[in-house]
């Protein structure tokens, strides 16, 4: 029944609730990281030298490589939105190209993040600044290209390209025993993960 999109209402609510809780937990996780950063930055303690960034740390210029990474992430939002709209219109080629472009942008983002790590003058052991920077950017990268993302990509490609279409295939109609079956639904939280994170 999974391939046909015939989940019961209870199963659909459970799936939607599970994805919603996952997204909320990710948002709260990053809120905690930003909270730690802003707590240290807005009220630096004596142990940090009463200044932010602490003495001896050369912060990364936000208008160089971080700005390029931001543009790449926003572009990946555009390409995944294109894939989503192609899915709604039943354009499988557009879905495939949109997802491939998004995956390529995620790989480019990860490579540039690695470059940023290699040219930084501080490490994760350099106090609160280094910890917040590497912890925040590392987990952000992990959510975009890590194991969680690979599972989402596998599921979305399998579900959206193979099993979810605007109209049901002829084989599905035959299996159901009718020729005027309603269109299958696609997961409502497919794009929400990328928008929030």
N, C-alpha and C. Protein backbone atom coordinates (compact mmCIF):
# COMPACT_ATOMS: atom_id res chain seq x y z
N UNK A 1 0.80 -1.20 0.00
CA UNK A 1 0.00 0.00 0.00
C UNK A 1 0.84 1.27 0.00
N UNK A 2 2.08 1.21 0.45
CA UNK A 2 2.92 2.39 0.51
C UNK A 2 3.13 3.00 -0.86
N UNK A 3 3.38 2.16 -1.86
CA UNK A 3 3.66 2.67 -3.19
C UNK A 3 2.43 3.31 -3.83
N UNK A 4 1.27 2.93 -3.39
CA UNK A 4 0.05 3.48 -3.97
C UNK A 4 -0.38 4.77 -3.28
N UNK A 5 0.22 5.09 -2.16
CA UNK A 5 -0.17 6.30 -1.43
C UNK A 5 -1.44 6.10 -0.63
N UNK A 6 -1.81 4.86 -0.33
CA UNK A 6 -3.05 4.58 0.37
C UNK A 6 -2.84 4.39 1.87
N UNK A 7 -2.20 5.33 2.51
CA UNK A 7 -2.05 5.23 3.96
C UNK A 7 -3.37 5.59 4.62
N UNK A 8 -3.62 4.99 5.75
CA UNK A 8 -4.82 5.38 6.51
C UNK A 8 -4.60 6.77 7.08
N UNK A 9 -5.68 7.39 7.52
CA UNK A 9 -5.58 8.74 8.08
C UNK A 9 -4.67 8.75 9.30
N UNK A 10 -4.73 7.70 10.11
CA UNK A 10 -3.88 7.63 11.31
C UNK A 10 -2.41 7.54 10.93
N UNK A 11 -2.09 6.76 9.91
CA UNK A 11 -0.70 6.64 9.47
C UNK A 11 -0.22 7.96 8.88
N UNK A 12 -1.04 8.63 8.08
CA UNK A 12 -0.66 9.92 7.51
C UNK A 12 -0.41 10.95 8.60
N UNK A 13 -1.27 10.98 9.63
CA UNK A 13 -1.06 11.90 10.75
C UNK A 13 0.24 11.57 11.48
N UNK A 14 0.51 10.29 11.67
CA UNK A 14 1.74 9.88 12.33
C UNK A 14 2.98 10.28 11.54
N UNK A 15 2.94 10.08 10.22
CA UNK A 15 4.07 10.47 9.38
C UNK A 15 4.28 11.98 9.42
N UNK A 16 3.19 12.72 9.28
CA UNK A 16 3.30 14.18 9.31
C UNK A 16 3.80 14.67 10.67
N UNK A 17 3.31 14.08 11.75
CA UNK A 17 3.75 14.46 13.08
C UNK A 17 5.23 14.13 13.27
N UNK A 18 5.67 12.98 12.79
CA UNK A 18 7.08 12.60 12.90
C UNK A 18 8.00 13.57 12.19
N UNK A 19 7.64 13.96 10.98
CA UNK A 19 8.46 14.91 10.23
C UNK A 19 8.42 16.28 10.90
N UNK A 20 7.25 16.69 11.37
CA UNK A 20 7.13 17.98 12.05
C UNK A 20 7.98 18.01 13.32
N UNK A 21 7.96 16.95 14.09
CA UNK A 21 8.78 16.90 15.30
C UNK A 21 10.27 16.89 14.97
N UNK A 22 10.65 16.24 13.90
CA UNK A 22 12.04 16.26 13.46
C UNK A 22 12.47 17.69 13.11
N UNK A 23 11.63 18.41 12.36
CA UNK A 23 11.95 19.78 11.97
C UNK A 23 12.03 20.68 13.19
N UNK A 24 11.10 20.54 14.12
CA UNK A 24 11.11 21.35 15.34
C UNK A 24 12.36 21.06 16.16
N UNK A 25 12.74 19.79 16.27
CA UNK A 25 13.94 19.46 17.05
C UNK A 25 15.19 20.04 16.41
N UNK A 26 15.27 20.03 15.08
CA UNK A 26 16.40 20.65 14.38
C UNK A 26 16.43 22.15 14.63
N UNK A 27 15.28 22.80 14.54
CA UNK A 27 15.22 24.25 14.77
C UNK A 27 15.63 24.60 16.20
N UNK A 28 15.18 23.83 17.17
CA UNK A 28 15.55 24.10 18.57
C UNK A 28 17.03 23.81 18.81
N UNK A 29 17.57 22.82 18.14
CA UNK A 29 18.99 22.52 18.26
C UNK A 29 19.83 23.71 17.80
N UNK A 30 19.48 24.27 16.65
CA UNK A 30 20.23 25.42 16.15
C UNK A 30 19.95 26.68 16.96
N UNK A 31 18.77 26.79 17.53
CA UNK A 31 18.48 27.90 18.43
C UNK A 31 19.42 27.86 19.62
N UNK A 32 19.68 26.68 20.16
CA UNK A 32 20.60 26.54 21.30
C UNK A 32 22.02 26.96 20.90
N UNK A 33 22.45 26.60 19.69
CA UNK A 33 23.78 26.99 19.24
C UNK A 33 23.87 28.51 19.10
N UNK A 34 22.87 29.12 18.47
CA UNK A 34 22.86 30.58 18.33
C UNK A 34 22.77 31.26 19.68
N UNK A 35 22.02 30.68 20.60
CA UNK A 35 21.90 31.25 21.95
C UNK A 35 23.27 31.29 22.62
N UNK A 36 24.02 30.21 22.52
CA UNK A 36 25.36 30.17 23.12
C UNK A 36 26.27 31.22 22.49
N UNK A 37 26.19 31.37 21.17
CA UNK A 37 27.02 32.37 20.49
C UNK A 37 26.65 33.78 20.93
N UNK A 38 25.37 34.11 20.89
CA UNK A 38 24.96 35.47 21.23
C UNK A 38 25.15 35.77 22.72
N UNK A 39 25.00 34.77 23.57
CA UNK A 39 25.25 34.97 25.00
C UNK A 39 26.71 35.36 25.22
N UNK A 40 27.62 34.69 24.53
CA UNK A 40 29.04 35.00 24.68
C UNK A 40 29.41 36.30 23.98
N UNK A 41 28.78 36.59 22.83
CA UNK A 41 29.14 37.77 22.06
C UNK A 41 28.58 39.06 22.66
N UNK A 42 27.38 39.03 23.18
CA UNK A 42 26.75 40.25 23.67
C UNK A 42 27.18 40.62 25.08
N UNK A 43 27.67 39.64 25.82
CA UNK A 43 28.15 39.91 27.18
C UNK A 43 29.40 39.08 27.45
N UNK A 44 30.53 39.45 26.80
CA UNK A 44 31.73 38.64 26.98
C UNK A 44 32.26 38.72 28.41
N UNK A 45 32.62 37.59 28.96
CA UNK A 45 33.09 37.53 30.33
C UNK A 45 34.57 37.90 30.42
N UNK A 46 35.04 38.03 31.64
CA UNK A 46 36.45 38.36 31.88
C UNK A 46 37.35 37.26 31.33
N UNK A 47 36.89 36.01 31.41
CA UNK A 47 37.69 34.90 30.90
C UNK A 47 37.92 35.01 29.39
N UNK A 48 37.04 35.68 28.70
CA UNK A 48 37.19 35.89 27.25
C UNK A 48 37.94 37.18 26.95
N UNK A 49 38.39 37.86 27.98
CA UNK A 49 39.07 39.13 27.79
C UNK A 49 38.11 40.30 27.70
N UNK A 50 36.87 40.09 28.06
CA UNK A 50 35.81 41.11 28.03
C UNK A 50 35.66 41.73 26.65
N UNK A 51 35.96 40.99 25.61
CA UNK A 51 35.74 41.46 24.24
C UNK A 51 35.38 40.28 23.34
N UNK A 52 34.73 40.60 22.24
CA UNK A 52 34.32 39.56 21.29
C UNK A 52 34.67 39.98 19.89
N UNK A 53 35.32 39.21 19.07
CA UNK A 53 35.93 37.93 19.40
C UNK A 53 37.07 38.11 20.40
N UNK A 54 37.38 37.05 21.13
CA UNK A 54 38.43 37.16 22.14
C UNK A 54 39.77 37.58 21.54
N UNK A 55 40.60 38.14 22.37
CA UNK A 55 41.92 38.61 21.95
C UNK A 55 42.72 37.46 21.35
N UNK A 56 43.34 37.71 20.22
CA UNK A 56 44.16 36.70 19.56
C UNK A 56 43.43 35.88 18.51
N UNK A 57 42.13 36.08 18.37
CA UNK A 57 41.36 35.34 17.36
C UNK A 57 40.98 36.30 16.23
N UNK A 58 41.37 35.95 15.03
CA UNK A 58 40.98 36.72 13.85
C UNK A 58 39.74 36.08 13.25
N UNK A 59 38.62 36.73 13.40
CA UNK A 59 37.36 36.17 12.91
C UNK A 59 37.35 36.15 11.38
N UNK A 60 36.59 35.22 10.84
CA UNK A 60 36.43 35.11 9.40
C UNK A 60 35.60 36.29 8.91
N UNK A 61 36.04 36.91 7.82
CA UNK A 61 35.29 38.03 7.24
C UNK A 61 33.97 37.52 6.67
N UNK A 62 32.83 37.99 7.18
CA UNK A 62 31.55 37.44 6.72
C UNK A 62 31.19 37.82 5.29
N UNK A 63 31.92 38.75 4.67
CA UNK A 63 31.60 39.18 3.32
C UNK A 63 32.47 38.49 2.26
N UNK A 64 33.17 37.47 2.65
CA UNK A 64 33.99 36.73 1.68
C UNK A 64 33.39 35.33 1.48
N UNK A 65 34.06 34.30 1.96
CA UNK A 65 33.60 32.92 1.76
C UNK A 65 32.25 32.63 2.43
N UNK A 66 31.98 33.13 3.64
CA UNK A 66 30.65 32.88 4.21
C UNK A 66 29.50 33.47 3.37
N UNK A 67 29.73 34.61 2.75
CA UNK A 67 28.69 35.19 1.89
C UNK A 67 28.45 34.31 0.67
N UNK A 68 29.53 33.80 0.09
CA UNK A 68 29.38 32.90 -1.06
C UNK A 68 28.61 31.64 -0.65
N UNK A 69 28.92 31.09 0.52
CA UNK A 69 28.20 29.91 1.00
C UNK A 69 26.72 30.22 1.24
N UNK A 70 26.43 31.41 1.72
CA UNK A 70 25.03 31.80 1.92
C UNK A 70 24.29 31.86 0.59
N UNK A 71 24.94 32.42 -0.42
CA UNK A 71 24.32 32.49 -1.75
C UNK A 71 24.09 31.08 -2.31
N UNK A 72 25.04 30.19 -2.07
CA UNK A 72 24.89 28.80 -2.54
C UNK A 72 23.72 28.12 -1.83
N UNK A 73 23.59 28.34 -0.53
CA UNK A 73 22.47 27.74 0.20
C UNK A 73 21.12 28.29 -0.27
N UNK A 74 21.06 29.59 -0.50
CA UNK A 74 19.80 30.17 -1.01
C UNK A 74 19.49 29.63 -2.41
N UNK A 75 20.52 29.44 -3.22
CA UNK A 75 20.32 28.87 -4.55
C UNK A 75 19.82 27.44 -4.47
N UNK A 76 20.31 26.69 -3.48
CA UNK A 76 19.81 25.32 -3.33
C UNK A 76 18.35 25.32 -2.92
N UNK A 77 17.92 26.33 -2.19
CA UNK A 77 16.50 26.47 -1.86
C UNK A 77 15.67 26.71 -3.12
N UNK A 78 16.21 27.47 -4.04
CA UNK A 78 15.52 27.73 -5.30
C UNK A 78 15.42 26.46 -6.13
N UNK A 79 16.51 25.70 -6.20
CA UNK A 79 16.48 24.49 -7.03
C UNK A 79 15.58 23.41 -6.44
N UNK A 80 15.54 23.28 -5.12
CA UNK A 80 14.65 22.28 -4.54
C UNK A 80 13.18 22.73 -4.67
N UNK A 81 12.95 24.03 -4.64
CA UNK A 81 11.59 24.54 -4.88
C UNK A 81 11.17 24.27 -6.32
N UNK A 82 12.12 24.43 -7.25
CA UNK A 82 11.84 24.10 -8.64
C UNK A 82 11.47 22.62 -8.78
N UNK A 83 12.23 21.76 -8.09
CA UNK A 83 11.93 20.32 -8.14
C UNK A 83 10.56 20.04 -7.56
N UNK A 84 10.22 20.74 -6.48
CA UNK A 84 8.91 20.53 -5.85
C UNK A 84 7.77 20.94 -6.79
N UNK A 85 7.91 22.09 -7.44
CA UNK A 85 6.87 22.54 -8.37
C UNK A 85 6.80 21.64 -9.61
N UNK A 86 7.95 21.13 -10.04
CA UNK A 86 7.94 20.18 -11.15
C UNK A 86 7.20 18.91 -10.77
N UNK A 87 7.37 18.48 -9.51
CA UNK A 87 6.66 17.31 -9.03
C UNK A 87 5.15 17.53 -9.06
N UNK A 88 4.73 18.70 -8.61
CA UNK A 88 3.29 19.01 -8.60
C UNK A 88 2.73 19.00 -10.01
N UNK A 89 3.52 19.49 -10.98
CA UNK A 89 3.06 19.55 -12.37
C UNK A 89 3.23 18.23 -13.11
N UNK A 90 3.85 17.25 -12.46
CA UNK A 90 4.05 15.95 -13.10
C UNK A 90 5.23 15.92 -14.05
N UNK A 91 6.16 16.84 -13.92
CA UNK A 91 7.34 16.93 -14.78
C UNK A 91 8.49 16.19 -14.11
N UNK A 92 8.66 14.91 -14.44
CA UNK A 92 9.69 14.10 -13.79
C UNK A 92 11.09 14.58 -14.13
N UNK A 93 11.31 15.06 -15.35
CA UNK A 93 12.62 15.56 -15.74
C UNK A 93 12.99 16.77 -14.90
N UNK A 94 12.05 17.67 -14.68
CA UNK A 94 12.30 18.83 -13.84
C UNK A 94 12.60 18.45 -12.41
N UNK A 95 11.91 17.43 -11.91
CA UNK A 95 12.18 16.95 -10.54
C UNK A 95 13.60 16.43 -10.46
N UNK A 96 13.98 15.61 -11.42
CA UNK A 96 15.32 15.02 -11.41
C UNK A 96 16.39 16.10 -11.52
N UNK A 97 16.24 17.04 -12.44
CA UNK A 97 17.24 18.11 -12.60
C UNK A 97 17.29 19.01 -11.37
N UNK A 98 16.15 19.31 -10.80
CA UNK A 98 16.12 20.15 -9.60
C UNK A 98 16.82 19.49 -8.42
N UNK A 99 16.57 18.18 -8.22
CA UNK A 99 17.21 17.48 -7.12
C UNK A 99 18.71 17.30 -7.35
N UNK A 100 19.11 17.04 -8.59
CA UNK A 100 20.54 16.90 -8.89
C UNK A 100 21.25 18.24 -8.67
N UNK A 101 20.64 19.33 -9.13
CA UNK A 101 21.24 20.65 -8.92
C UNK A 101 21.36 20.97 -7.44
N UNK A 102 20.34 20.61 -6.67
CA UNK A 102 20.38 20.85 -5.22
C UNK A 102 21.49 20.03 -4.58
N UNK A 103 21.63 18.79 -4.98
CA UNK A 103 22.68 17.94 -4.42
C UNK A 103 24.06 18.48 -4.79
N UNK A 104 24.24 18.94 -6.03
CA UNK A 104 25.52 19.51 -6.43
C UNK A 104 25.84 20.77 -5.63
N UNK A 105 24.85 21.61 -5.41
CA UNK A 105 25.07 22.81 -4.60
C UNK A 105 25.43 22.44 -3.16
N UNK A 106 24.84 21.39 -2.63
CA UNK A 106 25.18 20.94 -1.28
C UNK A 106 26.62 20.46 -1.21
N UNK A 107 27.08 19.77 -2.24
CA UNK A 107 28.47 19.30 -2.28
C UNK A 107 29.42 20.49 -2.40
N UNK A 108 29.09 21.45 -3.25
CA UNK A 108 29.92 22.66 -3.38
C UNK A 108 29.97 23.41 -2.06
N UNK A 109 28.84 23.53 -1.39
CA UNK A 109 28.79 24.18 -0.09
C UNK A 109 29.73 23.48 0.89
N UNK A 110 29.70 22.16 0.92
CA UNK A 110 30.53 21.40 1.85
C UNK A 110 32.01 21.58 1.53
N UNK A 111 32.37 21.57 0.25
CA UNK A 111 33.77 21.78 -0.13
C UNK A 111 34.25 23.17 0.27
N UNK A 112 33.42 24.18 0.04
CA UNK A 112 33.80 25.54 0.43
C UNK A 112 33.87 25.69 1.95
N UNK A 113 33.01 24.96 2.66
CA UNK A 113 33.07 25.00 4.12
C UNK A 113 34.38 24.37 4.61
N UNK A 114 34.80 23.30 3.96
CA UNK A 114 36.09 22.70 4.29
C UNK A 114 37.24 23.65 4.02
N UNK A 115 37.15 24.40 2.92
CA UNK A 115 38.17 25.40 2.61
C UNK A 115 38.19 26.49 3.69
N UNK A 116 37.01 26.90 4.12
CA UNK A 116 36.93 27.91 5.17
C UNK A 116 37.56 27.40 6.47
N UNK A 117 37.34 26.15 6.79
CA UNK A 117 37.96 25.56 7.98
C UNK A 117 39.48 25.57 7.86
N UNK A 118 40.00 25.26 6.68
CA UNK A 118 41.45 25.15 6.51
C UNK A 118 42.16 26.49 6.57
N UNK A 119 41.49 27.59 6.23
CA UNK A 119 42.14 28.90 6.26
C UNK A 119 41.84 29.69 7.54
N UNK A 120 41.00 29.15 8.41
CA UNK A 120 40.69 29.85 9.66
C UNK A 120 41.90 29.84 10.58
N UNK A 121 42.06 30.95 11.33
CA UNK A 121 43.21 31.07 12.22
C UNK A 121 42.93 30.53 13.62
N UNK A 122 41.79 29.92 13.82
CA UNK A 122 41.43 29.40 15.14
C UNK A 122 40.89 27.99 14.99
N UNK A 123 40.82 27.28 16.11
CA UNK A 123 40.36 25.89 16.10
C UNK A 123 39.17 25.76 17.05
N UNK A 124 38.63 24.57 17.12
CA UNK A 124 37.48 24.33 18.00
C UNK A 124 37.88 24.45 19.47
N UNK A 125 39.16 24.30 19.77
CA UNK A 125 39.62 24.38 21.16
C UNK A 125 39.96 25.80 21.60
N UNK A 126 39.71 26.79 20.75
CA UNK A 126 40.01 28.18 21.09
C UNK A 126 38.85 28.87 21.80
N UNK A 127 38.37 28.28 22.85
CA UNK A 127 37.36 28.91 23.69
C UNK A 127 35.97 28.90 23.08
N UNK A 128 35.14 29.82 23.59
CA UNK A 128 33.74 29.88 23.19
C UNK A 128 33.58 30.24 21.72
N UNK A 129 34.43 31.11 21.21
CA UNK A 129 34.31 31.53 19.81
C UNK A 129 34.53 30.34 18.87
N UNK A 130 35.63 29.63 19.06
CA UNK A 130 35.91 28.47 18.21
C UNK A 130 34.88 27.38 18.35
N UNK A 131 34.45 27.15 19.59
CA UNK A 131 33.44 26.11 19.83
C UNK A 131 32.13 26.44 19.12
N UNK A 132 31.65 27.67 19.29
CA UNK A 132 30.38 28.07 18.65
C UNK A 132 30.50 28.03 17.13
N UNK A 133 31.62 28.52 16.60
CA UNK A 133 31.79 28.56 15.14
C UNK A 133 31.79 27.15 14.55
N UNK A 134 32.67 26.29 15.05
CA UNK A 134 32.80 24.95 14.47
C UNK A 134 31.59 24.07 14.78
N UNK A 135 31.05 24.23 15.98
CA UNK A 135 29.87 23.43 16.33
C UNK A 135 28.68 23.81 15.45
N UNK A 136 28.44 25.11 15.29
CA UNK A 136 27.32 25.57 14.48
C UNK A 136 27.47 25.26 13.01
N UNK A 137 28.64 25.58 12.43
CA UNK A 137 28.82 25.34 11.00
C UNK A 137 28.98 23.85 10.71
N UNK A 138 29.59 23.11 11.64
CA UNK A 138 29.75 21.67 11.42
C UNK A 138 28.43 20.94 11.41
N UNK A 139 27.58 21.23 12.38
CA UNK A 139 26.27 20.56 12.41
C UNK A 139 25.37 21.06 11.30
N UNK A 140 25.54 22.31 10.89
CA UNK A 140 24.76 22.81 9.76
C UNK A 140 25.15 22.05 8.50
N UNK A 141 26.44 21.86 8.29
CA UNK A 141 26.90 21.08 7.15
C UNK A 141 26.44 19.64 7.23
N UNK A 142 26.44 19.10 8.44
CA UNK A 142 26.01 17.72 8.63
C UNK A 142 24.54 17.53 8.23
N UNK A 143 23.70 18.52 8.53
CA UNK A 143 22.29 18.39 8.16
C UNK A 143 22.08 18.52 6.66
N UNK A 144 23.04 19.15 5.96
CA UNK A 144 22.87 19.32 4.51
C UNK A 144 23.48 18.20 3.69
N UNK A 145 24.55 17.59 4.16
CA UNK A 145 25.19 16.56 3.34
C UNK A 145 25.48 15.28 4.12
N UNK A 146 25.17 15.28 5.38
CA UNK A 146 25.47 14.12 6.23
C UNK A 146 24.51 12.97 6.04
N UNK A 147 24.59 12.00 6.92
CA UNK A 147 23.75 10.80 6.80
C UNK A 147 22.25 11.11 6.80
N UNK A 148 21.84 12.09 7.59
CA UNK A 148 20.43 12.46 7.60
C UNK A 148 19.98 12.91 6.22
N UNK A 149 20.79 13.74 5.59
CA UNK A 149 20.44 14.24 4.27
C UNK A 149 20.46 13.14 3.22
N UNK A 150 21.40 12.22 3.33
CA UNK A 150 21.44 11.12 2.37
C UNK A 150 20.19 10.25 2.46
N UNK A 151 19.70 10.03 3.67
CA UNK A 151 18.46 9.28 3.85
C UNK A 151 17.29 10.04 3.23
N UNK A 152 17.25 11.35 3.46
CA UNK A 152 16.17 12.17 2.89
C UNK A 152 16.25 12.16 1.38
N UNK A 153 17.46 12.27 0.82
CA UNK A 153 17.60 12.25 -0.63
C UNK A 153 17.14 10.92 -1.20
N UNK A 154 17.57 9.83 -0.58
CA UNK A 154 17.15 8.53 -1.07
C UNK A 154 15.64 8.40 -1.04
N UNK A 155 15.05 8.79 0.07
CA UNK A 155 13.60 8.67 0.20
C UNK A 155 12.87 9.58 -0.76
N UNK A 156 13.35 10.83 -0.90
CA UNK A 156 12.63 11.76 -1.76
C UNK A 156 12.76 11.39 -3.23
N UNK A 157 13.94 10.95 -3.63
CA UNK A 157 14.10 10.55 -5.03
C UNK A 157 13.26 9.31 -5.32
N UNK A 158 13.32 8.34 -4.42
CA UNK A 158 12.53 7.12 -4.62
C UNK A 158 11.04 7.43 -4.63
N UNK A 159 10.60 8.22 -3.65
CA UNK A 159 9.18 8.50 -3.53
C UNK A 159 8.69 9.45 -4.61
N UNK A 160 9.42 10.50 -4.86
CA UNK A 160 8.92 11.54 -5.75
C UNK A 160 9.10 11.22 -7.22
N UNK A 161 10.14 10.52 -7.57
CA UNK A 161 10.35 10.24 -8.99
C UNK A 161 9.72 8.91 -9.39
N UNK A 162 9.82 7.92 -8.53
CA UNK A 162 9.34 6.60 -8.92
C UNK A 162 7.88 6.39 -8.52
N UNK A 163 7.53 6.74 -7.28
CA UNK A 163 6.24 6.33 -6.75
C UNK A 163 5.18 7.42 -6.69
N UNK A 164 5.54 8.68 -6.63
CA UNK A 164 4.56 9.74 -6.54
C UNK A 164 4.55 10.53 -7.84
N UNK A 165 3.42 10.52 -8.48
CA UNK A 165 3.26 11.28 -9.70
C UNK A 165 1.94 12.03 -9.63
N UNK A 166 1.76 12.96 -10.58
CA UNK A 166 0.51 13.74 -10.59
C UNK A 166 -0.68 12.81 -10.84
N UNK A 167 -0.51 11.86 -11.73
CA UNK A 167 -1.56 10.89 -12.01
C UNK A 167 -1.00 9.50 -11.78
N UNK A 168 -1.83 8.62 -11.37
CA UNK A 168 -1.39 7.26 -11.12
C UNK A 168 -1.09 6.55 -12.44
N UNK A 169 -0.13 5.66 -12.38
CA UNK A 169 0.24 4.92 -13.58
C UNK A 169 -0.87 3.94 -13.96
N UNK A 170 -0.78 3.43 -15.16
CA UNK A 170 -1.75 2.46 -15.65
C UNK A 170 -1.73 1.19 -14.81
N UNK A 171 -0.52 0.76 -14.39
CA UNK A 171 -0.42 -0.44 -13.57
C UNK A 171 -1.13 -0.24 -12.23
N UNK A 172 -1.00 0.95 -11.66
CA UNK A 172 -1.67 1.22 -10.38
C UNK A 172 -3.18 1.20 -10.57
N UNK A 173 -3.65 1.77 -11.67
CA UNK A 173 -5.09 1.78 -11.92
C UNK A 173 -5.61 0.35 -12.10
N UNK A 174 -4.84 -0.48 -12.80
CA UNK A 174 -5.25 -1.86 -12.99
C UNK A 174 -5.27 -2.59 -11.66
N UNK A 175 -4.23 -2.34 -10.82
CA UNK A 175 -4.16 -3.00 -9.51
C UNK A 175 -5.34 -2.60 -8.64
N UNK A 176 -5.79 -1.36 -8.77
CA UNK A 176 -6.94 -0.90 -7.99
C UNK A 176 -8.26 -1.37 -8.59
N UNK A 177 -8.23 -1.74 -9.86
CA UNK A 177 -9.44 -2.22 -10.50
C UNK A 177 -10.30 -1.11 -11.08
N UNK A 178 -9.73 0.07 -11.30
CA UNK A 178 -10.49 1.16 -11.92
C UNK A 178 -9.58 1.95 -12.85
N UNK A 179 -10.16 2.78 -13.65
CA UNK A 179 -9.37 3.60 -14.57
C UNK A 179 -9.46 5.08 -14.23
N UNK A 180 -10.23 5.45 -13.23
CA UNK A 180 -10.36 6.86 -12.86
C UNK A 180 -9.97 7.06 -11.40
N UNK A 181 -8.81 6.56 -11.03
CA UNK A 181 -8.35 6.69 -9.65
C UNK A 181 -7.87 8.12 -9.40
N UNK A 182 -8.02 8.62 -8.17
CA UNK A 182 -7.56 9.97 -7.87
C UNK A 182 -6.03 10.04 -7.88
N UNK A 183 -5.46 11.24 -8.07
CA UNK A 183 -4.00 11.37 -8.08
C UNK A 183 -3.41 11.04 -6.71
N UNK A 184 -2.21 10.48 -6.73
CA UNK A 184 -1.52 10.19 -5.48
C UNK A 184 -1.02 11.48 -4.85
N UNK A 185 -0.92 11.49 -3.52
CA UNK A 185 -0.43 12.67 -2.82
C UNK A 185 1.06 12.54 -2.59
N UNK A 186 1.76 13.68 -2.57
CA UNK A 186 3.17 13.66 -2.21
C UNK A 186 3.32 14.18 -0.78
N UNK A 187 4.42 13.84 -0.13
CA UNK A 187 4.59 14.23 1.27
C UNK A 187 4.57 15.74 1.45
N UNK A 188 3.79 16.29 2.39
CA UNK A 188 3.68 17.73 2.54
C UNK A 188 4.90 18.38 3.14
N UNK A 189 5.76 17.63 3.85
CA UNK A 189 6.91 18.23 4.50
C UNK A 189 8.20 18.07 3.69
N UNK A 190 8.07 17.66 2.41
CA UNK A 190 9.26 17.44 1.58
C UNK A 190 10.13 18.68 1.53
N UNK A 191 9.56 19.83 1.31
CA UNK A 191 10.33 21.06 1.14
C UNK A 191 10.54 21.81 2.44
N UNK A 192 9.70 21.58 3.43
CA UNK A 192 9.77 22.34 4.67
C UNK A 192 11.11 22.15 5.38
N UNK A 193 11.67 20.99 5.32
CA UNK A 193 12.97 20.72 5.95
C UNK A 193 14.03 21.67 5.43
N UNK A 194 14.06 21.89 4.12
CA UNK A 194 15.09 22.73 3.52
C UNK A 194 14.82 24.21 3.79
N UNK A 195 13.58 24.60 3.91
CA UNK A 195 13.27 26.00 4.17
C UNK A 195 13.69 26.39 5.58
N UNK A 196 13.38 25.56 6.55
CA UNK A 196 13.69 25.91 7.95
C UNK A 196 15.15 25.77 8.25
N UNK A 197 15.77 24.70 7.77
CA UNK A 197 17.18 24.46 8.08
C UNK A 197 18.03 25.20 7.08
